[in-house]
Amino acid sequence: MRKLTYYIACSIDGFIGDPEGDATSMFAFVNEEFLEFVKTEYPEMLPTQGRRMMGIDDLENRRFDTVVQGRGSYQLGLDAGLPSPYNHLREIVASRTLEESPHPNVELVSGDLVARIRELKAEDSPYGIYLCGGSTIAGQLLDEIDELVIKTYPQVYGSGMPMFGTGFSVTDFTLESVRTLENGILVRTYSRKR
């Protein structure tokens, strides 16, 4: 059974963006050490264009072969003229408003997202599934998430878009590892207690 991993950046107080979802303030912490960490540990998390700019577009995927994201997260790529921002992965976009996929590599899911994720998890593959965001689909998929990789940036937002857009629910995870970068980013990995 493949794992669904929610790999996400957030503020100290658990917000993945301001109330509209903008997290560009976190870009100030992207430095050489952080990029080396991503390149070494999670190269497939970088959008295809970013991989190309870094000269690592030929790096093999280490952990994932599929990315899942909501329409809001996907729209950022569309607005930048990138209809397949993760072209090195199979792309699944949850959307009830897009009627036709803007790119052959992008599969739109307008119906039962949980059922589609369960189908993906049941596939025979050595790679997992990367949940890119956002808050709403993370909330919908909370019961399906097997692993959390949380990059906490040394900022406090006060309010904004939470990591999980869902009602109150206690879900237990076990801390597996913690890595601290010199610029103050803390990377925590948790596995789901089942």
C-alpha atoms as a PDB file:
ATOM      1  CA  MET A   1       0.000   0.000   0.000  1.00  0.00           C
ATOM      2  CA  ARG A   2       1.420   3.365  -1.041  1.00  0.00           C
ATOM      3  CA  LYS A   3       1.667   6.225   1.449  1.00  0.00           C
ATOM      4  CA  LEU A   4       0.023   9.620   1.097  1.00  0.00           C
ATOM      5  CA  THR A   5       2.427  12.269   2.427  1.00  0.00           C
ATOM      6  CA  TYR A   6       1.339  15.817   3.176  1.00  0.00           C
ATOM      7  CA  TYR A   7       4.546  17.817   2.602  1.00  0.00           C
ATOM      8  CA  ILE A   8       3.807  21.385   3.594  1.00  0.00           C
ATOM      9  CA  ALA A   9       5.388  24.668   4.685  1.00  0.00           C
ATOM     10  CA  CYS A  10       3.854  26.573   7.579  1.00  0.00           C
ATOM     11  CA  SER A  11       4.437  29.351  10.068  1.00  0.00           C
ATOM     12  CA  ILE A  12       5.278  28.662  13.724  1.00  0.00           C
ATOM     13  CA  ASP A  13       1.578  29.011  14.529  1.00  0.00           C
ATOM     14  CA  GLY A  14       0.520  26.489  11.887  1.00  0.00           C
ATOM     15  CA  PHE A  15      -0.635  28.616   8.956  1.00  0.00           C
ATOM     16  CA  ILE A  16       0.316  27.722   5.380  1.00  0.00           C
ATOM     17  CA  GLY A  17      -0.408  31.210   4.125  1.00  0.00           C
ATOM     18  CA  ASP A  18      -2.205  34.428   4.891  1.00  0.00           C
ATOM     19  CA  PRO A  19      -6.038  34.393   4.803  1.00  0.00           C
ATOM     20  CA  GLU A  20      -5.891  34.259   0.969  1.00  0.00           C
ATOM     21  CA  GLY A  21      -3.183  31.567   0.999  1.00  0.00           C
ATOM     22  CA  ASP A  22      -0.200  33.771   0.107  1.00  0.00           C
ATOM     23  CA  ALA A  23       2.985  32.390   1.685  1.00  0.00           C
ATOM     24  CA  THR A  24       5.563  34.415  -0.245  1.00  0.00           C
ATOM     25  CA  SER A  25       6.997  35.792   3.022  1.00  0.00           C
ATOM     26  CA  MET A  26       8.512  32.313   3.550  1.00  0.00           C
ATOM     27  CA  PHE A  27      10.585  32.659   0.373  1.00  0.00           C
ATOM     28  CA  ALA A  28      13.048  34.817   2.342  1.00  0.00           C
ATOM     29  CA  PHE A  29      14.253  31.604   4.043  1.00  0.00           C
ATOM     30  CA  VAL A  30      15.037  29.736   0.834  1.00  0.00           C
ATOM     31  CA  ASN A  31      18.808  29.648   0.828  1.00  0.00           C
ATOM     32  CA  GLU A  32      21.587  27.344  -0.351  1.00  0.00           C
ATOM     33  CA  GLU A  33      21.285  24.991   2.652  1.00  0.00           C
ATOM     34  CA  PHE A  34      17.525  24.678   2.204  1.00  0.00           C
ATOM     35  CA  LEU A  35      17.815  24.034  -1.539  1.00  0.00           C
ATOM     36  CA  GLU A  36      20.489  21.385  -0.903  1.00  0.00           C
ATOM     37  CA  PHE A  37      18.169  19.708   1.623  1.00  0.00           C
ATOM     38  CA  VAL A  38      15.298  19.645  -0.882  1.00  0.00           C
ATOM     39  CA  LYS A  39      17.547  18.532  -3.747  1.00  0.00           C
ATOM     40  CA  THR A  40      18.986  15.686  -1.669  1.00  0.00           C
ATOM     41  CA  GLU A  41      15.881  14.530   0.227  1.00  0.00           C
ATOM     42  CA  TYR A  42      12.843  15.603  -1.812  1.00  0.00           C
ATOM     43  CA  PRO A  43      13.901  16.564  -5.367  1.00  0.00           C
ATOM     44  CA  GLU A  44      10.484  15.758  -6.837  1.00  0.00           C
ATOM     45  CA  MET A  45       8.878  18.413  -4.620  1.00  0.00           C
ATOM     46  CA  LEU A  46      10.404  21.148  -6.716  1.00  0.00           C
ATOM     47  CA  PRO A  47       8.271  22.204  -9.677  1.00  0.00           C
ATOM     48  CA  THR A  48       9.670  21.101 -13.032  1.00  0.00           C
ATOM     49  CA  GLN A  49      10.664  24.639 -14.010  1.00  0.00           C
ATOM     50  CA  GLY A  50      12.555  25.087 -10.709  1.00  0.00           C
ATOM     51  CA  ARG A  51      14.357  21.782 -11.218  1.00  0.00           C
ATOM     52  CA  ARG A  52      15.356  22.919 -14.707  1.00  0.00           C
ATOM     53  CA  MET A  53      16.636  26.261 -13.399  1.00  0.00           C
ATOM     54  CA  MET A  54      18.738  24.449 -10.771  1.00  0.00           C
ATOM     55  CA  GLY A  55      20.107  22.034 -13.374  1.00  0.00           C
ATOM     56  CA  ILE A  56      18.598  19.009 -11.639  1.00  0.00           C
ATOM     57  CA  ASP A  57      15.736  18.188 -13.990  1.00  0.00           C
ATOM     58  CA  ASP A  58      17.352  14.831 -14.680  1.00  0.00           C
ATOM     59  CA  LEU A  59      17.416  13.754 -10.998  1.00  0.00           C
ATOM     60  CA  GLU A  60      15.406  10.617 -10.378  1.00  0.00           C
ATOM     61  CA  ASN A  61      12.447  10.779  -8.045  1.00  0.00           C
ATOM     62  CA  ARG A  62      13.338   9.540  -4.577  1.00  0.00           C
ATOM     63  CA  ARG A  63       9.992   9.189  -2.838  1.00  0.00           C
ATOM     64  CA  PHE A  64       7.012  10.058  -5.042  1.00  0.00           C
ATOM     65  CA  ASP A  65       5.650   9.515  -8.541  1.00  0.00           C
ATOM     66  CA  THR A  66       2.298  11.304  -8.102  1.00  0.00           C
ATOM     67  CA  VAL A  67       1.300  14.739  -6.822  1.00  0.00           C
ATOM     68  CA  VAL A  68      -2.194  15.698  -5.632  1.00  0.00           C
ATOM     69  CA  GLN A  69      -3.301  19.277  -5.193  1.00  0.00           C
ATOM     70  CA  GLY A  70      -6.402  21.387  -4.978  1.00  0.00           C
ATOM     71  CA  ARG A  71      -7.521  23.971  -7.475  1.00  0.00           C
ATOM     72  CA  GLY A  72      -6.158  26.875  -5.415  1.00  0.00           C
ATOM     73  CA  SER A  73      -2.636  25.423  -5.314  1.00  0.00           C
ATOM     74  CA  TYR A  74      -2.828  24.416  -8.963  1.00  0.00           C
ATOM     75  CA  GLN A  75      -4.015  27.891  -9.962  1.00  0.00           C
ATOM     76  CA  LEU A  76      -0.648  29.326  -8.876  1.00  0.00           C
ATOM     77  CA  GLY A  77       1.003  27.305 -11.647  1.00  0.00           C
ATOM     78  CA  LEU A  78      -1.682  28.220 -14.176  1.00  0.00           C
ATOM     79  CA  ASP A  79      -1.268  31.907 -13.361  1.00  0.00           C
ATOM     80  CA  ALA A  80       2.470  31.553 -13.979  1.00  0.00           C
ATOM     81  CA  GLY A  81       1.808  29.943 -17.373  1.00  0.00           C
ATOM     82  CA  LEU A  82       2.590  26.425 -16.125  1.00  0.00           C
ATOM     83  CA  PRO A  83      -0.350  24.110 -16.877  1.00  0.00           C
ATOM     84  CA  SER A  84       1.756  21.117 -15.715  1.00  0.00           C
ATOM     85  CA  PRO A  85       3.924  22.498 -12.888  1.00  0.00           C
ATOM     86  CA  TYR A  86       5.044  19.022 -11.784  1.00  0.00           C
ATOM     87  CA  ASN A  87       5.491  17.488 -15.219  1.00  0.00           C
ATOM     88  CA  HIS A  88       8.029  15.011 -13.791  1.00  0.00           C
ATOM     89  CA  LEU A  89       5.187  13.472 -11.720  1.00  0.00           C
ATOM     90  CA  ARG A  90       1.677  12.276 -12.487  1.00  0.00           C
ATOM     91  CA  GLU A  91      -0.523  15.230 -11.540  1.00  0.00           C
ATOM     92  CA  ILE A  92      -3.950  14.936  -9.936  1.00  0.00           C
ATOM     93  CA  VAL A  93      -5.924  18.150  -9.412  1.00  0.00           C
ATOM     94  CA  ALA A  94      -9.104  18.207  -7.338  1.00  0.00           C
ATOM     95  CA  SER A  95     -11.447  20.755  -8.900  1.00  0.00           C
ATOM     96  CA  ARG A  96     -15.168  21.182  -9.311  1.00  0.00           C
ATOM     97  CA  THR A  97     -14.755  24.263 -11.490  1.00  0.00           C
ATOM     98  CA  LEU A  98     -12.254  23.223 -14.176  1.00  0.00           C
ATOM     99  CA  GLU A  99     -14.198  21.409 -16.879  1.00  0.00           C
ATOM    100  CA  GLU A 100     -11.263  20.348 -19.037  1.00  0.00           C
ATOM    101  CA  SER A 101      -7.655  19.601 -18.150  1.00  0.00           C
ATOM    102  CA  PRO A 102      -5.295  22.321 -19.403  1.00  0.00           C
ATOM    103  CA  HIS A 103      -2.540  19.724 -19.961  1.00  0.00           C
ATOM    104  CA  PRO A 104      -2.423  16.000 -20.892  1.00  0.00           C
ATOM    105  CA  ASN A 105      -0.348  15.245 -17.754  1.00  0.00           C
ATOM    106  CA  VAL A 106      -3.033  16.675 -15.433  1.00  0.00           C
ATOM    107  CA  GLU A 107      -5.935  14.483 -14.348  1.00  0.00           C
ATOM    108  CA  LEU A 108      -8.901  16.391 -12.970  1.00  0.00           C
ATOM    109  CA  VAL A 109     -10.958  14.852 -10.159  1.00  0.00           C
ATOM    110  CA  SER A 110     -14.313  16.525  -9.666  1.00  0.00           C
ATOM    111  CA  GLY A 111     -16.040  13.682  -7.838  1.00  0.00           C
ATOM    112  CA  ASP A 112     -15.046  11.533  -4.881  1.00  0.00           C
ATOM    113  CA  LEU A 113     -11.459  12.533  -4.101  1.00  0.00           C
ATOM    114  CA  VAL A 114     -11.127  10.083  -1.196  1.00  0.00           C
ATOM    115  CA  ALA A 115     -12.072   7.186  -3.497  1.00  0.00           C
ATOM    116  CA  ARG A 116      -9.498   8.336  -6.087  1.00  0.00           C
ATOM    117  CA  ILE A 117      -6.780   8.561  -3.413  1.00  0.00           C
ATOM    118  CA  ARG A 118      -7.620   5.053  -2.217  1.00  0.00           C
ATOM    119  CA  GLU A 119      -7.251   3.809  -5.815  1.00  0.00           C
ATOM    120  CA  LEU A 120      -3.858   5.527  -6.087  1.00  0.00           C
ATOM    121  CA  LYS A 121      -2.722   4.088  -2.747  1.00  0.00           C
ATOM    122  CA  ALA A 122      -3.695   0.574  -3.886  1.00  0.00           C
ATOM    123  CA  GLU A 123      -1.473   0.766  -6.991  1.00  0.00           C
ATOM    124  CA  ASP A 124       1.685  -1.318  -7.120  1.00  0.00           C
ATOM    125  CA  SER A 125       4.549   1.177  -7.002  1.00  0.00           C
ATOM    126  CA  PRO A 126       7.675   1.676  -4.900  1.00  0.00           C
ATOM    127  CA  TYR A 127       6.824   5.397  -4.751  1.00  0.00           C
ATOM    128  CA  GLY A 128       4.365   7.295  -2.599  1.00  0.00           C
ATOM    129  CA  ILE A 129       1.896  10.084  -3.282  1.00  0.00           C
ATOM    130  CA  TYR A 130       2.733  13.714  -2.521  1.00  0.00           C
ATOM    131  CA  LEU A 131      -0.127  15.860  -1.219  1.00  0.00           C
ATOM    132  CA  CYS A 132       0.959  19.355  -2.214  1.00  0.00           C
ATOM    133  CA  GLY A 133      -2.000  21.274  -0.815  1.00  0.00           C
ATOM    134  CA  GLY A 134      -4.052  23.034  -0.040  1.00  0.00           C
ATOM    135  CA  SER A 135      -5.872  23.353   3.201  1.00  0.00           C
ATOM    136  CA  THR A 136      -9.311  22.238   1.998  1.00  0.00           C
ATOM    137  CA  ILE A 137      -8.242  18.977   0.371  1.00  0.00           C
ATOM    138  CA  ALA A 138      -5.841  18.246   3.247  1.00  0.00           C
ATOM    139  CA  GLY A 139      -8.882  18.451   5.508  1.00  0.00           C
ATOM    140  CA  GLN A 140     -10.893  16.186   3.190  1.00  0.00           C
ATOM    141  CA  LEU A 141      -8.040  13.672   3.045  1.00  0.00           C
ATOM    142  CA  LEU A 142      -7.001  13.731   6.708  1.00  0.00           C
ATOM    143  CA  ASP A 143      -8.075  10.110   7.254  1.00  0.00           C
ATOM    144  CA  GLU A 144      -5.971   9.037   4.240  1.00  0.00           C
ATOM    145  CA  ILE A 145      -2.758  10.874   5.203  1.00  0.00           C
ATOM    146  CA  ASP A 146      -0.053   8.446   6.330  1.00  0.00           C
ATOM    147  CA  GLU A 147       2.829  10.856   6.799  1.00  0.00           C
ATOM    148  CA  LEU A 148       3.371  14.554   7.497  1.00  0.00           C
ATOM    149  CA  VAL A 149       6.529  16.417   6.502  1.00  0.00           C
ATOM    150  CA  ILE A 150       6.152  19.880   7.991  1.00  0.00           C
ATOM    151  CA  LYS A 151       8.637  22.617   7.176  1.00  0.00           C
ATOM    152  CA  THR A 152       8.090  25.209   9.903  1.00  0.00           C
ATOM    153  CA  TYR A 153       9.419  28.639   9.031  1.00  0.00           C
ATOM    154  CA  PRO A 154      10.438  31.021  11.852  1.00  0.00           C
ATOM    155  CA  GLN A 155       7.506  33.371  11.334  1.00  0.00           C
ATOM    156  CA  VAL A 156       4.238  33.967  13.178  1.00  0.00           C
ATOM    157  CA  TYR A 157       1.213  34.845  11.035  1.00  0.00           C
ATOM    158  CA  GLY A 158      -1.374  35.354  13.762  1.00  0.00           C
ATOM    159  CA  SER A 159      -4.119  34.193  11.440  1.00  0.00           C
ATOM    160  CA  GLY A 160      -4.412  32.802   7.963  1.00  0.00           C
ATOM    161  CA  MET A 161      -4.983  29.579   6.077  1.00  0.00           C
ATOM    162  CA  PRO A 162      -4.622  26.576   8.420  1.00  0.00           C
ATOM    163  CA  MET A 163      -2.786  23.384   7.483  1.00  0.00           C
ATOM    164  CA  PHE A 164      -6.085  21.504   7.588  1.00  0.00           C
ATOM    165  CA  GLY A 165      -9.322  23.147   6.532  1.00  0.00           C
ATOM    166  CA  THR A 166     -11.604  20.918   8.543  1.00  0.00           C
ATOM    167  CA  GLY A 167     -13.669  20.870  11.683  1.00  0.00           C
ATOM    168  CA  PHE A 168     -12.321  19.758  15.044  1.00  0.00           C
ATOM    169  CA  SER A 169     -10.890  16.257  14.981  1.00  0.00           C
ATOM    170  CA  VAL A 170      -8.118  14.662  17.029  1.00  0.00           C
ATOM    171  CA  THR A 171      -5.800  12.597  14.824  1.00  0.00           C
ATOM    172  CA  ASP A 172      -2.629  11.153  16.328  1.00  0.00           C
ATOM    173  CA  PHE A 173       0.753  11.019  14.637  1.00  0.00           C
ATOM    174  CA  THR A 174       4.162   9.839  15.891  1.00  0.00           C
ATOM    175  CA  LEU A 175       7.226  12.043  15.549  1.00  0.00           C
ATOM    176  CA  GLU A 176       9.819  10.212  13.425  1.00  0.00           C
ATOM    177  CA  SER A 177      12.522  12.841  12.898  1.00  0.00           C
ATOM    178  CA  VAL A 178      13.422  16.488  13.329  1.00  0.00           C
ATOM    179  CA  ARG A 179      15.955  18.417  11.293  1.00  0.00           C
ATOM    180  CA  THR A 180      16.948  22.006  12.039  1.00  0.00           C
ATOM    181  CA  LEU A 181      18.416  24.198   9.320  1.00  0.00           C
ATOM    182  CA  GLU A 182      20.748  27.060  10.190  1.00  0.00           C
ATOM    183  CA  ASN A 183      18.249  29.685   9.009  1.00  0.00           C
ATOM    184  CA  GLY A 184      15.681  28.511  11.583  1.00  0.00           C
ATOM    185  CA  ILE A 185      13.544  26.218   9.408  1.00  0.00           C
ATOM    186  CA  LEU A 186      12.504  23.126  11.328  1.00  0.00           C
ATOM    187  CA  VAL A 187      11.594  20.013   9.294  1.00  0.00           C
ATOM    188  CA  ARG A 188       9.524  17.487  11.240  1.00  0.00           C
ATOM    189  CA  THR A 189       8.399  14.127   9.921  1.00  0.00           C
ATOM    190  CA  TYR A 190       5.461  12.321  11.506  1.00  0.00           C
ATOM    191  CA  SER A 191       3.877   8.970  10.744  1.00  0.00           C
ATOM    192  CA  ARG A 192       0.202   8.234  11.248  1.00  0.00           C
ATOM    193  CA  LYS A 193      -0.779   6.213  14.309  1.00  0.00           C
ATOM    194  CA  ARG A 194      -3.202   3.566  13.090  1.00  0.00           C
END
